[in-house]
Amino acid sequence: MTKKLILQRTRHFFSVEGEGEQSIIKWIQELSDQNGLHVHHPNLEGLLLRLMPGKESLQPDRANVQAMLRNAWPNYKKPADARTLAGKFTLADLLRVAKIDSELSTMLSIIGLNHGQ
């Protein structure tokens, strides 16, 4: 029996302002791929789904996350703006997911939002 090696990607969160900045991130992603690094920007819709109470442990894949999110949040429209997100979620929601997601927890710690966790 042959064992199949599954490489798991490491997620990194970057926030960028405009098209030029987005191009830099895309270029860095291409360089990472060319050099065999297994990194990627997170599944945003998956994170939004996991922010909902009781769904923080889900690990949705990109193939079905849109349907799952629309089922859980019928009024969701992509892209959700900051005001919509602030009306739907709280810091407590984000910290609840961070208790399960070590990479999210690390990011929140770096920026100072994960204090006391």
PDB file of N, CA and C in Angstrom:
ATOM      1  N   MET A   1       0.840  -1.167   0.000  1.00  0.00           N
ATOM      2  CA  MET A   1       0.000   0.000   0.000  1.00  0.00           C
ATOM      3  C   MET A   1       0.896   1.245   0.000  1.00  0.00           C
ATOM      4  N   THR A   2       0.593   2.169  -0.878  1.00  0.00           N
ATOM      5  CA  THR A   2       1.358   3.403  -0.980  1.00  0.00           C
ATOM      6  C   THR A   2       0.708   4.482  -0.131  1.00  0.00           C
ATOM      7  N   LYS A   3       1.528   5.119   0.711  1.00  0.00           N
ATOM      8  CA  LYS A   3       1.006   6.223   1.511  1.00  0.00           C
ATOM      9  C   LYS A   3       1.014   7.495   0.684  1.00  0.00           C
ATOM     10  N   LYS A   4      -0.047   8.236   0.779  1.00  0.00           N
ATOM     11  CA  LYS A   4      -0.156   9.493   0.055  1.00  0.00           C
ATOM     12  C   LYS A   4       0.209  10.624   1.008  1.00  0.00           C
ATOM     13  N   LEU A   5       1.184  11.419   0.626  1.00  0.00           N
ATOM     14  CA  LEU A   5       1.626  12.539   1.444  1.00  0.00           C
ATOM     15  C   LEU A   5       0.751  13.743   1.135  1.00  0.00           C
ATOM     16  N   ILE A   6       0.113  14.261   2.148  1.00  0.00           N
ATOM     17  CA  ILE A   6      -0.736  15.439   1.982  1.00  0.00           C
ATOM     18  C   ILE A   6      -0.044  16.608   2.664  1.00  0.00           C
ATOM     19  N   LEU A   7       0.321  17.594   1.873  1.00  0.00           N
ATOM     20  CA  LEU A   7       0.964  18.780   2.415  1.00  0.00           C
ATOM     21  C   LEU A   7      -0.101  19.793   2.792  1.00  0.00           C
ATOM     22  N   GLN A   8      -0.038  20.226   4.026  1.00  0.00           N
ATOM     23  CA  GLN A   8      -1.001  21.212   4.486  1.00  0.00           C
ATOM     24  C   GLN A   8      -0.389  22.595   4.332  1.00  0.00           C
ATOM     25  N   ARG A   9      -1.159  23.523   3.812  1.00  0.00           N
ATOM     26  CA  ARG A   9      -0.684  24.882   3.621  1.00  0.00           C
ATOM     27  C   ARG A   9      -0.754  25.659   4.917  1.00  0.00           C
ATOM     28  N   THR A  10       0.155  26.592   5.076  1.00  0.00           N
ATOM     29  CA  THR A  10       0.130  27.520   6.198  1.00  0.00           C
ATOM     30  C   THR A  10      -0.549  28.784   5.732  1.00  0.00           C
ATOM     31  N   ARG A  11      -1.489  29.275   6.523  1.00  0.00           N
ATOM     32  CA  ARG A  11      -2.216  30.487   6.153  1.00  0.00           C
ATOM     33  C   ARG A  11      -1.511  31.710   6.726  1.00  0.00           C
ATOM     34  N   HIS A  12      -1.543  32.779   5.953  1.00  0.00           N
ATOM     35  CA  HIS A  12      -1.032  34.066   6.399  1.00  0.00           C
ATOM     36  C   HIS A  12      -2.071  35.113   6.043  1.00  0.00           C
ATOM     37  N   PHE A  13      -2.310  36.015   6.964  1.00  0.00           N
ATOM     38  CA  PHE A  13      -3.300  37.061   6.753  1.00  0.00           C
ATOM     39  C   PHE A  13      -2.593  38.351   6.350  1.00  0.00           C
ATOM     40  N   PHE A  14      -2.960  38.907   5.219  1.00  0.00           N
ATOM     41  CA  PHE A  14      -2.448  40.193   4.770  1.00  0.00           C
ATOM     42  C   PHE A  14      -3.636  41.057   4.386  1.00  0.00           C
ATOM     43  N   SER A  15      -3.568  42.301   4.742  1.00  0.00           N
ATOM     44  CA  SER A  15      -4.604  43.236   4.343  1.00  0.00           C
ATOM     45  C   SER A  15      -3.940  44.279   3.460  1.00  0.00           C
ATOM     46  N   VAL A  16      -4.541  44.536   2.325  1.00  0.00           N
ATOM     47  CA  VAL A  16      -3.954  45.483   1.388  1.00  0.00           C
ATOM     48  C   VAL A  16      -5.005  46.479   0.934  1.00  0.00           C
ATOM     49  N   GLU A  17      -4.540  47.634   0.486  1.00  0.00           N
ATOM     50  CA  GLU A  17      -5.445  48.714   0.136  1.00  0.00           C
ATOM     51  C   GLU A  17      -5.935  48.670  -1.303  1.00  0.00           C
ATOM     52  N   GLY A  18      -5.057  48.661  -2.241  1.00  0.00           N
ATOM     53  CA  GLY A  18      -5.477  48.826  -3.626  1.00  0.00           C
ATOM     54  C   GLY A  18      -4.959  47.752  -4.548  1.00  0.00           C
ATOM     55  N   GLU A  19      -5.167  47.993  -5.833  1.00  0.00           N
ATOM     56  CA  GLU A  19      -4.805  47.016  -6.849  1.00  0.00           C
ATOM     57  C   GLU A  19      -3.306  46.745  -6.878  1.00  0.00           C
ATOM     58  N   GLY A  20      -2.499  47.780  -6.707  1.00  0.00           N
ATOM     59  CA  GLY A  20      -1.046  47.599  -6.694  1.00  0.00           C
ATOM     60  C   GLY A  20      -0.591  46.719  -5.550  1.00  0.00           C
ATOM     61  N   GLU A  21      -1.159  46.965  -4.369  1.00  0.00           N
ATOM     62  CA  GLU A  21      -0.815  46.151  -3.214  1.00  0.00           C
ATOM     63  C   GLU A  21      -1.273  44.710  -3.399  1.00  0.00           C
ATOM     64  N   GLN A  22      -2.452  44.533  -3.987  1.00  0.00           N
ATOM     65  CA  GLN A  22      -2.943  43.190  -4.251  1.00  0.00           C
ATOM     66  C   GLN A  22      -2.017  42.461  -5.219  1.00  0.00           C
ATOM     67  N   SER A  23      -1.458  43.187  -6.168  1.00  0.00           N
ATOM     68  CA  SER A  23      -0.523  42.594  -7.130  1.00  0.00           C
ATOM     69  C   SER A  23       0.738  42.105  -6.440  1.00  0.00           C
ATOM     70  N   ILE A  24       1.226  42.867  -5.470  1.00  0.00           N
ATOM     71  CA  ILE A  24       2.424  42.444  -4.723  1.00  0.00           C
ATOM     72  C   ILE A  24       2.145  41.127  -4.000  1.00  0.00           C
ATOM     73  N   ILE A  25       0.995  41.040  -3.335  1.00  0.00           N
ATOM     74  CA  ILE A  25       0.650  39.823  -2.605  1.00  0.00           C
ATOM     75  C   ILE A  25       0.518  38.643  -3.574  1.00  0.00           C
ATOM     76  N   LYS A  26      -0.108  38.868  -4.716  1.00  0.00           N
ATOM     77  CA  LYS A  26      -0.254  37.800  -5.711  1.00  0.00           C
ATOM     78  C   LYS A  26       1.125  37.346  -6.213  1.00  0.00           C
ATOM     79  N   TRP A  27       2.010  38.289  -6.433  1.00  0.00           N
ATOM     80  CA  TRP A  27       3.364  37.962  -6.885  1.00  0.00           C
ATOM     81  C   TRP A  27       4.103  37.144  -5.822  1.00  0.00           C
ATOM     82  N   ILE A  28       3.980  37.541  -4.546  1.00  0.00           N
ATOM     83  CA  ILE A  28       4.615  36.794  -3.459  1.00  0.00           C
ATOM     84  C   ILE A  28       4.040  35.376  -3.398  1.00  0.00           C
ATOM     85  N   GLN A  29       2.719  35.237  -3.617  1.00  0.00           N
ATOM     86  CA  GLN A  29       2.110  33.911  -3.640  1.00  0.00           C
ATOM     87  C   GLN A  29       2.711  33.060  -4.759  1.00  0.00           C
ATOM     88  N   GLU A  30       2.872  33.661  -5.939  1.00  0.00           N
ATOM     89  CA  GLU A  30       3.463  32.929  -7.065  1.00  0.00           C
ATOM     90  C   GLU A  30       4.890  32.498  -6.750  1.00  0.00           C
ATOM     91  N   LEU A  31       5.679  33.386  -6.136  1.00  0.00           N
ATOM     92  CA  LEU A  31       7.046  33.029  -5.752  1.00  0.00           C
ATOM     93  C   LEU A  31       7.047  31.898  -4.727  1.00  0.00           C
ATOM     94  N   SER A  32       6.126  31.958  -3.783  1.00  0.00           N
ATOM     95  CA  SER A  32       6.015  30.901  -2.777  1.00  0.00           C
ATOM     96  C   SER A  32       5.693  29.566  -3.435  1.00  0.00           C
ATOM     97  N   ASP A  33       4.745  29.584  -4.361  1.00  0.00           N
ATOM     98  CA  ASP A  33       4.379  28.353  -5.076  1.00  0.00           C
ATOM     99  C   ASP A  33       5.561  27.802  -5.861  1.00  0.00           C
ATOM    100  N   GLN A  34       6.288  28.680  -6.564  1.00  0.00           N
ATOM    101  CA  GLN A  34       7.436  28.261  -7.369  1.00  0.00           C
ATOM    102  C   GLN A  34       8.543  27.656  -6.509  1.00  0.00           C
ATOM    103  N   ASN A  35       8.624  28.079  -5.266  1.00  0.00           N
ATOM    104  CA  ASN A  35       9.672  27.595  -4.371  1.00  0.00           C
ATOM    105  C   ASN A  35       9.196  26.486  -3.443  1.00  0.00           C
ATOM    106  N   GLY A  36       8.047  25.920  -3.746  1.00  0.00           N
ATOM    107  CA  GLY A  36       7.554  24.772  -2.994  1.00  0.00           C
ATOM    108  C   GLY A  36       7.074  25.100  -1.584  1.00  0.00           C
ATOM    109  N   LEU A  37       6.806  26.355  -1.315  1.00  0.00           N
ATOM    110  CA  LEU A  37       6.287  26.730  -0.001  1.00  0.00           C
ATOM    111  C   LEU A  37       4.779  26.549  -0.005  1.00  0.00           C
ATOM    112  N   HIS A  38       4.273  26.023   1.030  1.00  0.00           N
ATOM    113  CA  HIS A  38       2.844  25.728   1.091  1.00  0.00           C
ATOM    114  C   HIS A  38       2.145  26.779   1.946  1.00  0.00           C
ATOM    115  N   VAL A  39       1.989  27.956   1.354  1.00  0.00           N
ATOM    116  CA  VAL A  39       1.321  29.065   2.032  1.00  0.00           C
ATOM    117  C   VAL A  39       0.173  29.545   1.163  1.00  0.00           C
ATOM    118  N   HIS A  40      -0.832  30.185   1.784  1.00  0.00           N
ATOM    119  CA  HIS A  40      -1.965  30.719   1.047  1.00  0.00           C
ATOM    120  C   HIS A  40      -2.719  31.672   1.901  1.00  0.00           C
ATOM    121  N   HIS A  41      -3.558  32.701   1.259  1.00  0.00           N
ATOM    122  CA  HIS A  41      -4.465  33.609   1.951  1.00  0.00           C
ATOM    123  C   HIS A  41      -5.654  32.779   2.395  1.00  0.00           C
ATOM    124  N   PRO A  42      -6.311  33.047   3.522  1.00  0.00           N
ATOM    125  CA  PRO A  42      -7.335  32.154   4.078  1.00  0.00           C
ATOM    126  C   PRO A  42      -8.610  32.128   3.250  1.00  0.00           C
ATOM    127  N   ASN A  43      -9.461  31.101   3.555  1.00  0.00           N
ATOM    128  CA  ASN A  43     -10.775  30.957   2.949  1.00  0.00           C
ATOM    129  C   ASN A  43     -11.701  31.923   3.704  1.00  0.00           C
ATOM    130  N   LEU A  44     -11.871  33.134   3.177  1.00  0.00           N
ATOM    131  CA  LEU A  44     -12.623  34.173   3.876  1.00  0.00           C
ATOM    132  C   LEU A  44     -14.048  33.746   4.178  1.00  0.00           C
ATOM    133  N   GLU A  45     -14.725  33.168   3.220  1.00  0.00           N
ATOM    134  CA  GLU A  45     -16.092  32.732   3.466  1.00  0.00           C
ATOM    135  C   GLU A  45     -16.135  31.652   4.541  1.00  0.00           C
ATOM    136  N   GLY A  46     -15.105  30.801   4.572  1.00  0.00           N
ATOM    137  CA  GLY A  46     -15.017  29.789   5.624  1.00  0.00           C
ATOM    138  C   GLY A  46     -14.860  30.422   6.992  1.00  0.00           C
ATOM    139  N   LEU A  47     -14.061  31.482   7.070  1.00  0.00           N
ATOM    140  CA  LEU A  47     -13.903  32.194   8.339  1.00  0.00           C
ATOM    141  C   LEU A  47     -15.228  32.832   8.759  1.00  0.00           C
ATOM    142  N   LEU A  48     -15.927  33.459   7.821  1.00  0.00           N
ATOM    143  CA  LEU A  48     -17.218  34.068   8.153  1.00  0.00           C
ATOM    144  C   LEU A  48     -18.194  33.018   8.678  1.00  0.00           C
ATOM    145  N   LEU A  49     -18.214  31.850   8.061  1.00  0.00           N
ATOM    146  CA  LEU A  49     -19.084  30.777   8.519  1.00  0.00           C
ATOM    147  C   LEU A  49     -18.707  30.348   9.931  1.00  0.00           C
ATOM    148  N   ARG A  50     -17.403  30.222  10.175  1.00  0.00           N
ATOM    149  CA  ARG A  50     -16.929  29.763  11.477  1.00  0.00           C
ATOM    150  C   ARG A  50     -17.155  30.792  12.579  1.00  0.00           C
ATOM    151  N   LEU A  51     -17.359  32.054  12.231  1.00  0.00           N
ATOM    152  CA  LEU A  51     -17.639  33.082  13.227  1.00  0.00           C
ATOM    153  C   LEU A  51     -19.030  32.924  13.841  1.00  0.00           C
ATOM    154  N   MET A  52     -19.887  32.162  13.202  1.00  0.00           N
ATOM    155  CA  MET A  52     -21.245  31.967  13.709  1.00  0.00           C
ATOM    156  C   MET A  52     -21.220  30.983  14.871  1.00  0.00           C
ATOM    157  N   PRO A  53     -22.009  31.274  15.923  1.00  0.00           N
ATOM    158  CA  PRO A  53     -22.020  30.398  17.100  1.00  0.00           C
ATOM    159  C   PRO A  53     -22.284  28.940  16.739  1.00  0.00           C
ATOM    160  N   GLY A  54     -21.462  28.070  17.306  1.00  0.00           N
ATOM    161  CA  GLY A  54     -21.604  26.640  17.074  1.00  0.00           C
ATOM    162  C   GLY A  54     -20.941  26.128  15.813  1.00  0.00           C
ATOM    163  N   LYS A  55     -20.360  27.022  15.003  1.00  0.00           N
ATOM    164  CA  LYS A  55     -19.745  26.604  13.742  1.00  0.00           C
ATOM    165  C   LYS A  55     -18.228  26.791  13.742  1.00  0.00           C
ATOM    166  N   GLU A  56     -17.669  27.178  14.892  1.00  0.00           N
ATOM    167  CA  GLU A  56     -16.242  27.500  14.945  1.00  0.00           C
ATOM    168  C   GLU A  56     -15.334  26.317  14.635  1.00  0.00           C
ATOM    169  N   SER A  57     -15.787  25.099  14.816  1.00  0.00           N
ATOM    170  CA  SER A  57     -14.949  23.919  14.558  1.00  0.00           C
ATOM    171  C   SER A  57     -15.038  23.409  13.126  1.00  0.00           C
ATOM    172  N   LEU A  58     -15.911  23.978  12.324  1.00  0.00           N
ATOM    173  CA  LEU A  58     -16.037  23.540  10.932  1.00  0.00           C
ATOM    174  C   LEU A  58     -14.745  23.798  10.167  1.00  0.00           C
ATOM    175  N   GLN A  59     -14.478  22.975   9.188  1.00  0.00           N
ATOM    176  CA  GLN A  59     -13.340  23.146   8.285  1.00  0.00           C
ATOM    177  C   GLN A  59     -13.855  23.075   6.854  1.00  0.00           C
ATOM    178  N   PRO A  60     -14.680  24.043   6.446  1.00  0.00           N
ATOM    179  CA  PRO A  60     -15.283  23.983   5.110  1.00  0.00           C
ATOM    180  C   PRO A  60     -14.246  24.180   4.012  1.00  0.00           C
ATOM    181  N   ASP A  61     -14.447  23.472   2.909  1.00  0.00           N
ATOM    182  CA  ASP A  61     -13.550  23.696   1.777  1.00  0.00           C
ATOM    183  C   ASP A  61     -14.197  24.679   0.810  1.00  0.00           C
ATOM    184  N   ARG A  62     -13.401  25.192  -0.083  1.00  0.00           N
ATOM    185  CA  ARG A  62     -13.867  26.227  -1.001  1.00  0.00           C
ATOM    186  C   ARG A  62     -15.010  25.755  -1.908  1.00  0.00           C
ATOM    187  N   ALA A  63     -15.079  24.469  -2.151  1.00  0.00           N
ATOM    188  CA  ALA A  63     -16.088  23.943  -3.073  1.00  0.00           C
ATOM    189  C   ALA A  63     -17.510  24.096  -2.540  1.00  0.00           C
ATOM    190  N   ASN A  64     -17.678  23.991  -1.220  1.00  0.00           N
ATOM    191  CA  ASN A  64     -19.041  24.041  -0.694  1.00  0.00           C
ATOM    192  C   ASN A  64     -19.290  25.164   0.300  1.00  0.00           C
ATOM    193  N   VAL A  65     -18.289  25.983   0.578  1.00  0.00           N
ATOM    194  CA  VAL A  65     -18.455  26.993   1.617  1.00  0.00           C
ATOM    195  C   VAL A  65     -19.467  28.071   1.249  1.00  0.00           C
ATOM    196  N   GLN A  66     -19.553  28.448  -0.018  1.00  0.00           N
ATOM    197  CA  GLN A  66     -20.518  29.476  -0.423  1.00  0.00           C
ATOM    198  C   GLN A  66     -21.938  29.035  -0.077  1.00  0.00           C
ATOM    199  N   ALA A  67     -22.285  27.814  -0.414  1.00  0.00           N
ATOM    200  CA  ALA A  67     -23.631  27.307  -0.130  1.00  0.00           C
ATOM    201  C   ALA A  67     -23.866  27.207   1.374  1.00  0.00           C
ATOM    202  N   MET A  68     -22.862  26.760   2.103  1.00  0.00           N
ATOM    203  CA  MET A  68     -22.996  26.647   3.559  1.00  0.00           C
ATOM    204  C   MET A  68     -23.188  28.025   4.193  1.00  0.00           C
ATOM    205  N   LEU A  69     -22.432  29.003   3.721  1.00  0.00           N
ATOM    206  CA  LEU A  69     -22.531  30.351   4.272  1.00  0.00           C
ATOM    207  C   LEU A  69     -23.888  30.962   3.952  1.00  0.00           C
ATOM    208  N   ARG A  70     -24.335  30.817   2.731  1.00  0.00           N
ATOM    209  CA  ARG A  70     -25.650  31.380   2.355  1.00  0.00           C
ATOM    210  C   ARG A  70     -26.795  30.678   3.096  1.00  0.00           C
ATOM    211  N   ASN A  71     -26.620  29.418   3.406  1.00  0.00           N
ATOM    212  CA  ASN A  71     -27.623  28.701   4.189  1.00  0.00           C
ATOM    213  C   ASN A  71     -27.679  29.243   5.625  1.00  0.00           C
ATOM    214  N   ALA A  72     -26.511  29.511   6.197  1.00  0.00           N
ATOM    215  CA  ALA A  72     -26.439  30.015   7.569  1.00  0.00           C
ATOM    216  C   ALA A  72     -26.714  31.514   7.651  1.00  0.00           C
ATOM    217  N   TRP A  73     -26.428  32.245   6.570  1.00  0.00           N
ATOM    218  CA  TRP A  73     -26.580  33.705   6.535  1.00  0.00           C
ATOM    219  C   TRP A  73     -27.244  34.066   5.200  1.00  0.00           C
ATOM    220  N   PRO A  74     -28.550  33.914   5.104  1.00  0.00           N
ATOM    221  CA  PRO A  74     -29.258  34.103   3.824  1.00  0.00           C
ATOM    222  C   PRO A  74     -29.055  35.477   3.180  1.00  0.00           C
ATOM    223  N   ASN A  75     -28.805  36.513   3.968  1.00  0.00           N
ATOM    224  CA  ASN A  75     -28.627  37.863   3.420  1.00  0.00           C
ATOM    225  C   ASN A  75     -27.188  38.185   3.035  1.00  0.00           C
ATOM    226  N   TYR A  76     -26.291  37.211   3.143  1.00  0.00           N
ATOM    227  CA  TYR A  76     -24.874  37.457   2.833  1.00  0.00           C
ATOM    228  C   TYR A  76     -24.712  37.826   1.365  1.00  0.00           C
ATOM    229  N   LYS A  77     -23.956  38.882   1.143  1.00  0.00           N
ATOM    230  CA  LYS A  77     -23.598  39.297  -0.211  1.00  0.00           C
ATOM    231  C   LYS A  77     -22.094  39.534  -0.240  1.00  0.00           C
ATOM    232  N   LYS A  78     -21.451  38.968  -1.232  1.00  0.00           N
ATOM    233  CA  LYS A  78     -20.005  39.096  -1.387  1.00  0.00           C
ATOM    234  C   LYS A  78     -19.692  40.335  -2.207  1.00  0.00           C
ATOM    235  N   PRO A  79     -18.756  41.149  -1.811  1.00  0.00           N
ATOM    236  CA  PRO A  79     -18.019  41.122  -0.553  1.00  0.00           C
ATOM    237  C   PRO A  79     -18.786  41.850   0.539  1.00  0.00           C
ATOM    238  N   ALA A  80     -18.721  41.347   1.734  1.00  0.00           N
ATOM    239  CA  ALA A  80     -19.371  42.012   2.868  1.00  0.00           C
ATOM    240  C   ALA A  80     -18.486  43.181   3.300  1.00  0.00           C
ATOM    241  N   ASP A  81     -19.102  44.334   3.509  1.00  0.00           N
ATOM    242  CA  ASP A  81     -18.318  45.487   3.947  1.00  0.00           C
ATOM    243  C   ASP A  81     -18.147  45.474   5.468  1.00  0.00           C
ATOM    244  N   ALA A  82     -17.289  46.346   5.955  1.00  0.00           N
ATOM    245  CA  ALA A  82     -16.954  46.380   7.379  1.00  0.00           C
ATOM    246  C   ALA A  82     -18.183  46.646   8.246  1.00  0.00           C
ATOM    247  N   ARG A  83     -19.063  47.513   7.802  1.00  0.00           N
ATOM    248  CA  ARG A  83     -20.270  47.820   8.582  1.00  0.00           C
ATOM    249  C   ARG A  83     -21.158  46.585   8.724  1.00  0.00           C
ATOM    250  N   THR A  84     -21.306  45.826   7.655  1.00  0.00           N
ATOM    251  CA  THR A  84     -22.103  44.601   7.696  1.00  0.00           C
ATOM    252  C   THR A  84     -21.477  43.595   8.653  1.00  0.00           C
ATOM    253  N   LEU A  85     -20.160  43.433   8.565  1.00  0.00           N
ATOM    254  CA  LEU A  85     -19.469  42.485   9.446  1.00  0.00           C
ATOM    255  C   LEU A  85     -19.588  42.911  10.901  1.00  0.00           C
ATOM    256  N   ALA A  86     -19.453  44.216  11.166  1.00  0.00           N
ATOM    257  CA  ALA A  86     -19.558  44.723  12.542  1.00  0.00           C
ATOM    258  C   ALA A  86     -20.963  44.537  13.096  1.00  0.00           C
ATOM    259  N   GLY A  87     -21.966  44.577  12.231  1.00  0.00           N
ATOM    260  CA  GLY A  87     -23.338  44.356  12.672  1.00  0.00           C
ATOM    261  C   GLY A  87     -23.666  42.887  12.896  1.00  0.00           C
ATOM    262  N   LYS A  88     -22.874  42.013  12.293  1.00  0.00           N
ATOM    263  CA  LYS A  88     -23.143  40.574  12.368  1.00  0.00           C
ATOM    264  C   LYS A  88     -22.292  39.871  13.427  1.00  0.00           C
ATOM    265  N   PHE A  89     -21.038  40.308  13.569  1.00  0.00           N
ATOM    266  CA  PHE A  89     -20.089  39.607  14.431  1.00  0.00           C
ATOM    267  C   PHE A  89     -19.484  40.545  15.474  1.00  0.00           C
ATOM    268  N   THR A  90     -18.921  39.926  16.520  1.00  0.00           N
ATOM    269  CA  THR A  90     -18.272  40.678  17.592  1.00  0.00           C
ATOM    270  C   THR A  90     -16.853  40.152  17.793  1.00  0.00           C
ATOM    271  N   LEU A  91     -16.099  40.861  18.612  1.00  0.00           N
ATOM    272  CA  LEU A  91     -14.762  40.389  18.969  1.00  0.00           C
ATOM    273  C   LEU A  91     -14.860  39.022  19.650  1.00  0.00           C
ATOM    274  N   ALA A  92     -15.901  38.826  20.446  1.00  0.00           N
ATOM    275  CA  ALA A  92     -16.084  37.528  21.108  1.00  0.00           C
ATOM    276  C   ALA A  92     -16.213  36.399  20.087  1.00  0.00           C
ATOM    277  N   ASP A  93     -16.886  36.648  18.975  1.00  0.00           N
ATOM    278  CA  ASP A  93     -16.987  35.636  17.911  1.00  0.00           C
ATOM    279  C   ASP A  93     -15.609  35.303  17.361  1.00  0.00           C
ATOM    280  N   LEU A  94     -14.824  36.336  17.092  1.00  0.00           N
ATOM    281  CA  LEU A  94     -13.480  36.139  16.550  1.00  0.00           C
ATOM    282  C   LEU A  94     -12.594  35.383  17.540  1.00  0.00           C
ATOM    283  N   LEU A  95     -12.675  35.743  18.814  1.00  0.00           N
ATOM    284  CA  LEU A  95     -11.862  35.065  19.829  1.00  0.00           C
ATOM    285  C   LEU A  95     -12.301  33.619  20.038  1.00  0.00           C
ATOM    286  N   ARG A  96     -13.588  33.341  19.865  1.00  0.00           N
ATOM    287  CA  ARG A  96     -14.085  31.968  19.981  1.00  0.00           C
ATOM    288  C   ARG A  96     -13.455  31.085  18.899  1.00  0.00           C
ATOM    289  N   VAL A  97     -13.367  31.609  17.683  1.00  0.00           N
ATOM    290  CA  VAL A  97     -12.739  30.852  16.597  1.00  0.00           C
ATOM    291  C   VAL A  97     -11.238  30.726  16.851  1.00  0.00           C
ATOM    292  N   ALA A  98     -10.623  31.789  17.376  1.00  0.00           N
ATOM    293  CA  ALA A  98      -9.179  31.776  17.631  1.00  0.00           C
ATOM    294  C   ALA A  98      -8.790  30.734  18.678  1.00  0.00           C
ATOM    295  N   LYS A  99      -9.708  30.371  19.572  1.00  0.00           N
ATOM    296  CA  LYS A  99      -9.414  29.317  20.557  1.00  0.00           C
ATOM    297  C   LYS A  99      -9.179  27.976  19.877  1.00  0.00           C
ATOM    298  N   ILE A 100      -9.752  27.808  18.703  1.00  0.00           N
ATOM    299  CA  ILE A 100      -9.636  26.552  17.955  1.00  0.00           C
ATOM    300  C   ILE A 100      -8.595  26.659  16.842  1.00  0.00           C
ATOM    301  N   ASP A 101      -8.400  27.851  16.305  1.00  0.00           N
ATOM    302  CA  ASP A 101      -7.527  28.089  15.155  1.00  0.00           C
ATOM    303  C   ASP A 101      -6.256  28.796  15.630  1.00  0.00           C
ATOM    304  N   SER A 102      -5.180  28.045  15.769  1.00  0.00           N
ATOM    305  CA  SER A 102      -3.941  28.606  16.325  1.00  0.00           C
ATOM    306  C   SER A 102      -3.342  29.699  15.438  1.00  0.00           C
ATOM    307  N   GLU A 103      -3.503  29.585  14.125  1.00  0.00           N
ATOM    308  CA  GLU A 103      -2.951  30.610  13.237  1.00  0.00           C
ATOM    309  C   GLU A 103      -3.710  31.927  13.391  1.00  0.00           C
ATOM    310  N   LEU A 104      -5.025  31.859  13.520  1.00  0.00           N
ATOM    311  CA  LEU A 104      -5.812  33.058  13.765  1.00  0.00           C
ATOM    312  C   LEU A 104      -5.453  33.642  15.130  1.00  0.00           C
ATOM    313  N   SER A 105      -5.283  32.783  16.107  1.00  0.00           N
ATOM    314  CA  SER A 105      -4.896  33.230  17.447  1.00  0.00           C
ATOM    315  C   SER A 105      -3.558  33.962  17.420  1.00  0.00           C
ATOM    316  N   THR A 106      -2.605  33.419  16.687  1.00  0.00           N
ATOM    317  CA  THR A 106      -1.289  34.066  16.567  1.00  0.00           C
ATOM    318  C   THR A 106      -1.417  35.440  15.928  1.00  0.00           C
ATOM    319  N   MET A 107      -2.192  35.539  14.849  1.00  0.00           N
ATOM    320  CA  MET A 107      -2.367  36.827  14.187  1.00  0.00           C
ATOM    321  C   MET A 107      -3.005  37.837  15.137  1.00  0.00           C
ATOM    322  N   LEU A 108      -4.036  37.414  15.861  1.00  0.00           N
ATOM    323  CA  LEU A 108      -4.705  38.327  16.783  1.00  0.00           C
ATOM    324  C   LEU A 108      -3.770  38.747  17.915  1.00  0.00           C
ATOM    325  N   SER A 109      -2.900  37.840  18.339  1.00  0.00           N
ATOM    326  CA  SER A 109      -1.916  38.189  19.368  1.00  0.00           C
ATOM    327  C   SER A 109      -0.923  39.218  18.862  1.00  0.00           C
ATOM    328  N   ILE A 110      -0.477  39.056  17.629  1.00  0.00           N
ATOM    329  CA  ILE A 110       0.491  39.996  17.040  1.00  0.00           C
ATOM    330  C   ILE A 110      -0.084  41.396  16.991  1.00  0.00           C
ATOM    331  N   ILE A 111      -1.367  41.520  16.657  1.00  0.00           N
ATOM    332  CA  ILE A 111      -1.952  42.855  16.544  1.00  0.00           C
ATOM    333  C   ILE A 111      -2.572  43.340  17.858  1.00  0.00           C
ATOM    334  N   GLY A 112      -2.543  42.488  18.895  1.00  0.00           N
ATOM    335  CA  GLY A 112      -2.987  42.908  20.212  1.00  0.00           C
ATOM    336  C   GLY A 112      -4.447  42.641  20.528  1.00  0.00           C
ATOM    337  N   LEU A 113      -5.160  41.901  19.711  1.00  0.00           N
ATOM    338  CA  LEU A 113      -6.567  41.628  19.976  1.00  0.00           C
ATOM    339  C   LEU A 113      -6.814  40.351  20.761  1.00  0.00           C
ATOM    340  N   ASN A 114      -5.803  39.559  20.953  1.00  0.00           N
ATOM    341  CA  ASN A 114      -5.979  38.275  21.626  1.00  0.00           C
ATOM    342  C   ASN A 114      -5.490  38.326  23.067  1.00  0.00           C
ATOM    343  N   HIS A 115      -5.539  39.494  23.666  1.00  0.00           N
ATOM    344  CA  HIS A 115      -5.081  39.618  25.049  1.00  0.00           C
ATOM    345  C   HIS A 115      -6.001  38.836  25.976  1.00  0.00           C
ATOM    346  N   GLY A 116      -5.402  38.248  26.981  1.00  0.00           N
ATOM    347  CA  GLY A 116      -6.175  37.485  27.948  1.00  0.00           C
ATOM    348  C   GLY A 116      -6.609  36.120  27.464  1.00  0.00           C
ATOM    349  N   GLN A 117      -6.190  35.694  26.291  1.00  0.00           N
ATOM    350  CA  GLN A 117      -6.569  34.380  25.771  1.00  0.00           C
ATOM    351  C   GLN A 117      -5.475  33.389  26.003  1.00  0.00           C
TER     352      GLN A 117
END
